[in-house]
PDB file of N, CA and C in Angstrom:
ATOM      1  N   MET A   1      11.120  -3.182  -7.853  1.00  0.00           N
ATOM      2  CA  MET A   1      10.142  -2.214  -7.060  1.00  0.00           C
ATOM      3  C   MET A   1       9.341  -3.058  -5.963  1.00  0.00           C
ATOM      4  N   ARG A   2       9.275  -2.409  -4.877  1.00  0.00           N
ATOM      5  CA  ARG A   2       8.428  -2.999  -3.784  1.00  0.00           C
ATOM      6  C   ARG A   2       7.194  -2.373  -3.654  1.00  0.00           C
ATOM      7  N   VAL A   3       5.993  -3.090  -3.444  1.00  0.00           N
ATOM      8  CA  VAL A   3       4.746  -2.448  -3.317  1.00  0.00           C
ATOM      9  C   VAL A   3       4.089  -3.083  -2.132  1.00  0.00           C
ATOM     10  N   LEU A   4       3.707  -2.239  -1.232  1.00  0.00           N
ATOM     11  CA  LEU A   4       3.128  -2.728  -0.071  1.00  0.00           C
ATOM     12  C   LEU A   4       1.547  -2.285  -0.082  1.00  0.00           C
ATOM     13  N   VAL A   5       0.530  -3.261   0.283  1.00  0.00           N
ATOM     14  CA  VAL A   5      -0.910  -3.178   0.448  1.00  0.00           C
ATOM     15  C   VAL A   5      -1.091  -3.278   1.787  1.00  0.00           C
ATOM     16  N   ALA A   6      -1.849  -2.220   2.428  1.00  0.00           N
ATOM     17  CA  ALA A   6      -2.178  -2.283   3.857  1.00  0.00           C
ATOM     18  C   ALA A   6      -3.577  -1.943   4.051  1.00  0.00           C
ATOM     19  N   TYR A   7      -4.315  -2.683   4.638  1.00  0.00           N
ATOM     20  CA  TYR A   7      -5.942  -2.376   4.931  1.00  0.00           C
ATOM     21  C   TYR A   7      -6.047  -2.810   6.330  1.00  0.00           C
ATOM     22  N   GLU A   8      -7.254  -2.651   6.851  1.00  0.00           N
ATOM     23  CA  GLU A   8      -7.682  -3.059   8.233  1.00  0.00           C
ATOM     24  C   GLU A   8      -7.811  -4.451   8.160  1.00  0.00           C
ATOM     25  N   TYR A   9      -7.846  -5.192   9.225  1.00  0.00           N
ATOM     26  CA  TYR A   9      -8.175  -6.519   9.313  1.00  0.00           C
ATOM     27  C   TYR A   9      -9.472  -7.018   8.730  1.00  0.00           C
ATOM     28  N   ARG A  10     -10.538  -5.971   8.887  1.00  0.00           N
ATOM     29  CA  ARG A  10     -11.717  -6.455   8.444  1.00  0.00           C
ATOM     30  C   ARG A  10     -12.074  -6.372   6.824  1.00  0.00           C
ATOM     31  N   TYR A  11     -11.008  -5.557   6.291  1.00  0.00           N
ATOM     32  CA  TYR A  11     -10.948  -5.507   5.003  1.00  0.00           C
ATOM     33  C   TYR A  11      -9.833  -6.386   4.353  1.00  0.00           C
ATOM     34  N   ARG A  12      -9.241  -7.405   4.983  1.00  0.00           N
ATOM     35  CA  ARG A  12      -8.180  -8.163   4.514  1.00  0.00           C
ATOM     36  C   ARG A  12      -8.375  -8.883   3.143  1.00  0.00           C
ATOM     37  N   PHE A  13      -9.562  -9.182   2.805  1.00  0.00           N
ATOM     38  CA  PHE A  13      -9.757  -9.670   1.513  1.00  0.00           C
ATOM     39  C   PHE A  13      -9.523  -8.644   0.433  1.00  0.00           C
ATOM     40  N   TYR A  14      -9.937  -7.541   0.535  1.00  0.00           N
ATOM     41  CA  TYR A  14      -9.558  -6.352  -0.292  1.00  0.00           C
ATOM     42  C   TYR A  14      -8.034  -6.417  -0.448  1.00  0.00           C
ATOM     43  N   ARG A  15      -7.239  -6.291   0.663  1.00  0.00           N
ATOM     44  CA  ARG A  15      -5.892  -6.115   0.388  1.00  0.00           C
ATOM     45  C   ARG A  15      -5.161  -7.351  -0.214  1.00  0.00           C
ATOM     46  N   GLU A  16      -5.840  -8.506   0.000  1.00  0.00           N
ATOM     47  CA  GLU A  16      -5.216  -9.662  -0.461  1.00  0.00           C
ATOM     48  C   GLU A  16      -5.541  -9.844  -2.089  1.00  0.00           C
ATOM     49  N   VAL A  17      -6.702  -9.267  -2.494  1.00  0.00           N
ATOM     50  CA  VAL A  17      -6.948  -9.404  -3.776  1.00  0.00           C
ATOM     51  C   VAL A  17      -6.143  -8.189  -4.620  1.00  0.00           C
ATOM     52  N   ILE A  18      -6.058  -7.012  -3.919  1.00  0.00           N
ATOM     53  CA  ILE A  18      -5.340  -5.910  -4.541  1.00  0.00           C
ATOM     54  C   ILE A  18      -3.954  -6.534  -4.733  1.00  0.00           C
ATOM     55  N   ALA A  19      -3.447  -6.946  -3.842  1.00  0.00           N
ATOM     56  CA  ALA A  19      -1.855  -7.510  -3.796  1.00  0.00           C
ATOM     57  C   ALA A  19      -1.733  -8.634  -4.964  1.00  0.00           C
ATOM     58  N   LYS A  20      -2.648  -9.615  -5.014  1.00  0.00           N
ATOM     59  CA  LYS A  20      -2.521 -10.607  -5.966  1.00  0.00           C
ATOM     60  C   LYS A  20      -2.719 -10.101  -7.343  1.00  0.00           C
ATOM     61  N   ALA A  21      -3.716  -9.111  -7.565  1.00  0.00           N
ATOM     62  CA  ALA A  21      -3.742  -8.594  -8.836  1.00  0.00           C
ATOM     63  C   ALA A  21      -2.599  -7.789  -9.298  1.00  0.00           C
ATOM     64  N   ILE A  22      -2.137  -7.020  -8.453  1.00  0.00           N
ATOM     65  CA  ILE A  22      -0.750  -6.450  -8.736  1.00  0.00           C
ATOM     66  C   ILE A  22       0.322  -7.379  -9.111  1.00  0.00           C
ATOM     67  N   ALA A  23       0.476  -8.413  -8.278  1.00  0.00           N
ATOM     68  CA  ALA A  23       1.611  -9.350  -8.611  1.00  0.00           C
ATOM     69  C   ALA A  23       1.351 -10.117  -9.879  1.00  0.00           C
ATOM     70  N   ASP A  24       0.148 -10.530 -10.140  1.00  0.00           N
ATOM     71  CA  ASP A  24      -0.233 -11.240 -11.243  1.00  0.00           C
ATOM     72  C   ASP A  24       0.036 -10.341 -12.518  1.00  0.00           C
ATOM     73  N   HIS A  25      -0.267  -9.182 -12.576  1.00  0.00           N
ATOM     74  CA  HIS A  25      -0.144  -8.205 -13.653  1.00  0.00           C
ATOM     75  C   HIS A  25       1.188  -7.606 -13.747  1.00  0.00           C
ATOM     76  N   ARG A  26       1.943  -7.566 -12.775  1.00  0.00           N
ATOM     77  CA  ARG A  26       3.300  -7.159 -12.739  1.00  0.00           C
ATOM     78  C   ARG A  26       4.212  -8.038 -11.997  1.00  0.00           C
ATOM     79  N   PRO A  27       4.558  -9.102 -12.609  1.00  0.00           N
ATOM     80  CA  PRO A  27       5.294 -10.282 -11.838  1.00  0.00           C
ATOM     81  C   PRO A  27       6.803  -9.827 -11.483  1.00  0.00           C
ATOM     82  N   HIS A  28       7.180  -8.787 -12.085  1.00  0.00           N
ATOM     83  CA  HIS A  28       8.549  -8.471 -11.806  1.00  0.00           C
ATOM     84  C   HIS A  28       8.588  -7.517 -10.419  1.00  0.00           C
ATOM     85  N   LEU A  29       7.531  -7.232  -9.907  1.00  0.00           N
ATOM     86  CA  LEU A  29       7.406  -6.383  -8.684  1.00  0.00           C
ATOM     87  C   LEU A  29       7.321  -7.360  -7.540  1.00  0.00           C
ATOM     88  N   GLN A  30       7.911  -6.893  -6.402  1.00  0.00           N
ATOM     89  CA  GLN A  30       7.799  -7.594  -5.160  1.00  0.00           C
ATOM     90  C   GLN A  30       6.562  -6.969  -4.349  1.00  0.00           C
ATOM     91  N   VAL A  31       5.536  -7.727  -4.122  1.00  0.00           N
ATOM     92  CA  VAL A  31       4.290  -7.277  -3.494  1.00  0.00           C
ATOM     93  C   VAL A  31       4.084  -8.024  -2.030  1.00  0.00           C
ATOM     94  N   CYS A  32       3.879  -7.136  -1.102  1.00  0.00           N
ATOM     95  CA  CYS A  32       3.552  -7.625   0.260  1.00  0.00           C
ATOM     96  C   CYS A  32       2.398  -6.922   0.657  1.00  0.00           C
ATOM     97  N   HIS A  33       1.691  -7.612   1.632  1.00  0.00           N
ATOM     98  CA  HIS A  33       0.365  -7.019   2.126  1.00  0.00           C
ATOM     99  C   HIS A  33       0.253  -7.451   3.677  1.00  0.00           C
ATOM    100  N   SER A  34      -0.218  -6.180   4.450  1.00  0.00           N
ATOM    101  CA  SER A  34      -0.122  -6.236   5.886  1.00  0.00           C
ATOM    102  C   SER A  34      -1.330  -5.562   6.340  1.00  0.00           C
ATOM    103  N   GLU A  35      -1.602  -5.820   7.636  1.00  0.00           N
ATOM    104  CA  GLU A  35      -2.673  -5.152   8.330  1.00  0.00           C
ATOM    105  C   GLU A  35      -2.107  -3.728   8.659  1.00  0.00           C
ATOM    106  N   LEU A  36      -3.088  -2.794   8.976  1.00  0.00           N
ATOM    107  CA  LEU A  36      -2.869  -1.332   9.200  1.00  0.00           C
ATOM    108  C   LEU A  36      -1.907  -1.243  10.594  1.00  0.00           C
ATOM    109  N   GLU A  37      -2.257  -2.084  11.418  1.00  0.00           N
ATOM    110  CA  GLU A  37      -1.626  -2.086  12.650  1.00  0.00           C
ATOM    111  C   GLU A  37      -0.047  -2.415  12.446  1.00  0.00           C
ATOM    112  N   GLU A  38       0.317  -2.998  11.390  1.00  0.00           N
ATOM    113  CA  GLU A  38       1.632  -3.317  11.018  1.00  0.00           C
ATOM    114  C   GLU A  38       2.302  -2.393   9.928  1.00  0.00           C
ATOM    115  N   LEU A  39       1.631  -1.368   9.816  1.00  0.00           N
ATOM    116  CA  LEU A  39       1.991  -0.433   8.620  1.00  0.00           C
ATOM    117  C   LEU A  39       3.362   0.108   8.831  1.00  0.00           C
ATOM    118  N   GLY A  40       3.411   0.738  10.144  1.00  0.00           N
ATOM    119  CA  GLY A  40       4.736   1.385  10.436  1.00  0.00           C
ATOM    120  C   GLY A  40       5.858   0.438  10.462  1.00  0.00           C
ATOM    121  N   LYS A  41       5.743  -0.783  10.901  1.00  0.00           N
ATOM    122  CA  LYS A  41       6.836  -1.770  10.930  1.00  0.00           C
ATOM    123  C   LYS A  41       7.116  -2.208   9.559  1.00  0.00           C
ATOM    124  N   GLU A  42       6.116  -2.342   8.700  1.00  0.00           N
ATOM    125  CA  GLU A  42       6.531  -2.926   7.338  1.00  0.00           C
ATOM    126  C   GLU A  42       7.035  -1.820   6.609  1.00  0.00           C
ATOM    127  N   LEU A  43       6.886  -0.322   6.795  1.00  0.00           N
ATOM    128  CA  LEU A  43       7.460   0.599   5.946  1.00  0.00           C
ATOM    129  C   LEU A  43       8.965   0.533   6.358  1.00  0.00           C
ATOM    130  N   VAL A  44       9.419   0.117   7.466  1.00  0.00           N
ATOM    131  CA  VAL A  44      10.819   0.072   7.797  1.00  0.00           C
ATOM    132  C   VAL A  44      11.488  -1.242   7.204  1.00  0.00           C
ATOM    133  N   LEU A  45      10.742  -2.410   7.609  1.00  0.00           N
ATOM    134  CA  LEU A  45      11.313  -3.785   7.022  1.00  0.00           C
ATOM    135  C   LEU A  45      11.167  -3.854   5.646  1.00  0.00           C
ATOM    136  N   PHE A  46      10.146  -3.673   5.032  1.00  0.00           N
ATOM    137  CA  PHE A  46      10.036  -3.979   3.584  1.00  0.00           C
ATOM    138  C   PHE A  46      10.483  -2.843   2.704  1.00  0.00           C
ATOM    139  N   ASP A  47      10.477  -1.634   3.481  1.00  0.00           N
ATOM    140  CA  ASP A  47      11.057  -0.461   2.555  1.00  0.00           C
ATOM    141  C   ASP A  47      10.413  -0.339   1.165  1.00  0.00           C
ATOM    142  N   PRO A  48       8.966  -0.199   1.096  1.00  0.00           N
ATOM    143  CA  PRO A  48       8.405  -0.073  -0.169  1.00  0.00           C
ATOM    144  C   PRO A  48       8.654   1.112  -0.988  1.00  0.00           C
ATOM    145  N   HIS A  49       8.492   0.968  -2.287  1.00  0.00           N
ATOM    146  CA  HIS A  49       8.505   2.152  -3.165  1.00  0.00           C
ATOM    147  C   HIS A  49       7.251   2.768  -3.556  1.00  0.00           C
ATOM    148  N   VAL A  50       6.171   1.910  -3.273  1.00  0.00           N
ATOM    149  CA  VAL A  50       4.776   2.245  -3.471  1.00  0.00           C
ATOM    150  C   VAL A  50       3.736   1.645  -2.311  1.00  0.00           C
ATOM    151  N   VAL A  51       3.101   2.362  -1.793  1.00  0.00           N
ATOM    152  CA  VAL A  51       1.986   1.914  -0.763  1.00  0.00           C
ATOM    153  C   VAL A  51       0.673   2.182  -1.269  1.00  0.00           C
ATOM    154  N   VAL A  52      -0.252   1.212  -1.183  1.00  0.00           N
ATOM    155  CA  VAL A  52      -1.655   1.294  -1.531  1.00  0.00           C
ATOM    156  C   VAL A  52      -2.400   1.047  -0.282  1.00  0.00           C
ATOM    157  N   SER A  53      -3.131   1.882   0.314  1.00  0.00           N
ATOM    158  CA  SER A  53      -3.743   1.785   1.638  1.00  0.00           C
ATOM    159  C   SER A  53      -5.038   2.569   1.743  1.00  0.00           C
ATOM    160  N   SER A  54      -5.786   2.220   2.651  1.00  0.00           N
ATOM    161  CA  SER A  54      -7.112   3.056   2.985  1.00  0.00           C
ATOM    162  C   SER A  54      -6.709   4.330   3.814  1.00  0.00           C
ATOM    163  N   GLN A  55      -5.533   4.221   4.177  1.00  0.00           N
ATOM    164  CA  GLN A  55      -5.133   5.390   5.008  1.00  0.00           C
ATOM    165  C   GLN A  55      -4.495   6.531   4.280  1.00  0.00           C
ATOM    166  N   PRO A  56      -4.603   7.798   4.827  1.00  0.00           N
ATOM    167  CA  PRO A  56      -3.953   8.968   4.003  1.00  0.00           C
ATOM    168  C   PRO A  56      -2.479   8.848   4.057  1.00  0.00           C
ATOM    169  N   TYR A  57      -1.819   9.550   3.245  1.00  0.00           N
ATOM    170  CA  TYR A  57      -0.538   9.680   3.075  1.00  0.00           C
ATOM    171  C   TYR A  57       0.179   9.932   4.221  1.00  0.00           C
ATOM    172  N   ARG A  58       1.364   9.276   4.552  1.00  0.00           N
ATOM    173  CA  ARG A  58       2.292   9.513   5.764  1.00  0.00           C
ATOM    174  C   ARG A  58       3.578   9.984   5.120  1.00  0.00           C
ATOM    175  N   LEU A  59       4.076  10.919   5.989  1.00  0.00           N
ATOM    176  CA  LEU A  59       5.505  11.364   5.641  1.00  0.00           C
ATOM    177  C   LEU A  59       6.458  10.327   5.647  1.00  0.00           C
ATOM    178  N   ASP A  60       7.111  10.164   4.628  1.00  0.00           N
ATOM    179  CA  ASP A  60       8.135   9.066   4.403  1.00  0.00           C
ATOM    180  C   ASP A  60       9.457   9.462   4.957  1.00  0.00           C
ATOM    181  N   THR A  61      10.121   8.734   5.865  1.00  0.00           N
ATOM    182  CA  THR A  61      11.395   8.997   6.433  1.00  0.00           C
ATOM    183  C   THR A  61      12.606   8.181   5.679  1.00  0.00           C
ATOM    184  N   THR A  62      12.144   7.327   5.035  1.00  0.00           N
ATOM    185  CA  THR A  62      13.243   6.407   4.219  1.00  0.00           C
ATOM    186  C   THR A  62      13.747   7.049   2.973  1.00  0.00           C
ATOM    187  N   ASN A  63      13.055   7.858   2.335  1.00  0.00           N
ATOM    188  CA  ASN A  63      13.261   8.444   1.063  1.00  0.00           C
ATOM    189  C   ASN A  63      13.277   7.545  -0.146  1.00  0.00           C
ATOM    190  N   THR A  64      12.676   6.350   0.112  1.00  0.00           N
ATOM    191  CA  THR A  64      12.537   5.347  -1.015  1.00  0.00           C
ATOM    192  C   THR A  64      11.016   5.466  -1.582  1.00  0.00           C
ATOM    193  N   LEU A  65      10.193   6.155  -0.918  1.00  0.00           N
ATOM    194  CA  LEU A  65       8.678   5.874  -1.168  1.00  0.00           C
ATOM    195  C   LEU A  65       8.577   6.885  -2.307  1.00  0.00           C
ATOM    196  N   ALA A  66       8.157   6.303  -3.533  1.00  0.00           N
ATOM    197  CA  ALA A  66       7.754   7.059  -4.735  1.00  0.00           C
ATOM    198  C   ALA A  66       6.287   7.449  -4.831  1.00  0.00           C
ATOM    199  N   ALA A  67       5.514   6.802  -4.219  1.00  0.00           N
ATOM    200  CA  ALA A  67       4.023   6.904  -4.480  1.00  0.00           C
ATOM    201  C   ALA A  67       3.165   6.412  -3.353  1.00  0.00           C
ATOM    202  N   TRP A  68       2.102   7.078  -2.871  1.00  0.00           N
ATOM    203  CA  TRP A  68       1.220   6.591  -1.874  1.00  0.00           C
ATOM    204  C   TRP A  68       0.042   6.687  -2.645  1.00  0.00           C
ATOM    205  N   VAL A  69      -0.923   5.507  -2.764  1.00  0.00           N
ATOM    206  CA  VAL A  69      -2.145   5.443  -3.274  1.00  0.00           C
ATOM    207  C   VAL A  69      -3.123   5.266  -2.072  1.00  0.00           C
ATOM    208  N   GLU A  70      -3.970   6.315  -1.769  1.00  0.00           N
ATOM    209  CA  GLU A  70      -4.900   6.127  -0.636  1.00  0.00           C
ATOM    210  C   GLU A  70      -6.154   5.609  -1.463  1.00  0.00           C
ATOM    211  N   LEU A  71      -6.466   4.516  -1.384  1.00  0.00           N
ATOM    212  CA  LEU A  71      -7.622   3.787  -1.957  1.00  0.00           C
ATOM    213  C   LEU A  71      -8.734   3.356  -0.998  1.00  0.00           C
ATOM    214  N   PRO A  72      -9.751   4.310  -0.625  1.00  0.00           N
ATOM    215  CA  PRO A  72     -10.692   4.018   0.440  1.00  0.00           C
ATOM    216  C   PRO A  72     -11.565   2.850   0.112  1.00  0.00           C
ATOM    217  N   VAL A  73     -12.021   2.234   1.166  1.00  0.00           N
ATOM    218  CA  VAL A  73     -12.902   0.914   0.967  1.00  0.00           C
ATOM    219  C   VAL A  73     -14.219   1.454   0.428  1.00  0.00           C
ATOM    220  N   GLU A  74     -14.557   2.654   0.931  1.00  0.00           N
ATOM    221  CA  GLU A  74     -15.903   3.140   0.457  1.00  0.00           C
ATOM    222  C   GLU A  74     -15.966   3.584  -1.045  1.00  0.00           C
ATOM    223  N   PRO A  75     -16.876   3.088  -1.764  1.00  0.00           N
ATOM    224  CA  PRO A  75     -16.763   3.223  -3.310  1.00  0.00           C
ATOM    225  C   PRO A  75     -16.908   4.820  -3.447  1.00  0.00           C
ATOM    226  N   SER A  76     -17.804   5.564  -2.730  1.00  0.00           N
ATOM    227  CA  SER A  76     -18.113   6.935  -3.016  1.00  0.00           C
ATOM    228  C   SER A  76     -17.007   7.726  -2.675  1.00  0.00           C
ATOM    229  N   SER A  77     -15.992   7.407  -2.065  1.00  0.00           N
ATOM    230  CA  SER A  77     -14.926   8.225  -1.466  1.00  0.00           C
ATOM    231  C   SER A  77     -13.873   8.228  -2.684  1.00  0.00           C
ATOM    232  N   ALA A  78     -13.137   9.416  -2.850  1.00  0.00           N
ATOM    233  CA  ALA A  78     -12.261   9.422  -3.835  1.00  0.00           C
ATOM    234  C   ALA A  78     -10.885   9.053  -3.577  1.00  0.00           C
ATOM    235  N   ALA A  79     -10.249   8.361  -4.489  1.00  0.00           N
ATOM    236  CA  ALA A  79      -8.895   7.851  -4.268  1.00  0.00           C
ATOM    237  C   ALA A  79      -7.900   9.221  -4.286  1.00  0.00           C
ATOM    238  N   GLN A  80      -6.702   9.032  -3.618  1.00  0.00           N
ATOM    239  CA  GLN A  80      -5.861   9.992  -3.778  1.00  0.00           C
ATOM    240  C   GLN A  80      -4.492   9.354  -4.072  1.00  0.00           C
ATOM    241  N   ILE A  81      -3.686  10.091  -4.742  1.00  0.00           N
ATOM    242  CA  ILE A  81      -2.257   9.568  -5.143  1.00  0.00           C
ATOM    243  C   ILE A  81      -1.437  10.642  -4.780  1.00  0.00           C
ATOM    244  N   HIS A  82      -0.278  10.293  -4.160  1.00  0.00           N
ATOM    245  CA  HIS A  82       0.743  11.340  -3.728  1.00  0.00           C
ATOM    246  C   HIS A  82       2.070  10.765  -4.438  1.00  0.00           C
ATOM    247  N   LEU A  83       2.700  11.455  -5.229  1.00  0.00           N
ATOM    248  CA  LEU A  83       3.912  11.218  -6.019  1.00  0.00           C
ATOM    249  C   LEU A  83       5.039  11.748  -5.450  1.00  0.00           C
ATOM    250  N   GLY A  84       6.061  11.066  -4.877  1.00  0.00           N
ATOM    251  CA  GLY A  84       7.184  11.725  -4.434  1.00  0.00           C
ATOM    252  C   GLY A  84       7.016  12.722  -3.368  1.00  0.00           C
ATOM    253  N   GLY A  85       6.178  12.441  -2.510  1.00  0.00           N
ATOM    254  CA  GLY A  85       5.783  13.328  -1.337  1.00  0.00           C
ATOM    255  C   GLY A  85       4.876  14.427  -1.734  1.00  0.00           C
TER     256      GLY A  85
END
């Protein structure tokens, strides 16, 4: 299973820590992190099954995306999880 973590450049520490935590706790997963500017490209190239991002859910055209976790950087904002679209 492939997991993509995507956050803005100024929150690169968040994305790197989240990606490392996922990889450390689930070593059988392929984990990649990228900047939001590269999100569209990474959705095509890496073809993730799960996306963790500060951005809202995007329509998946690849049909491999099982979950999208919108995890805002603002602690007072609620996270949203979209499963299978």
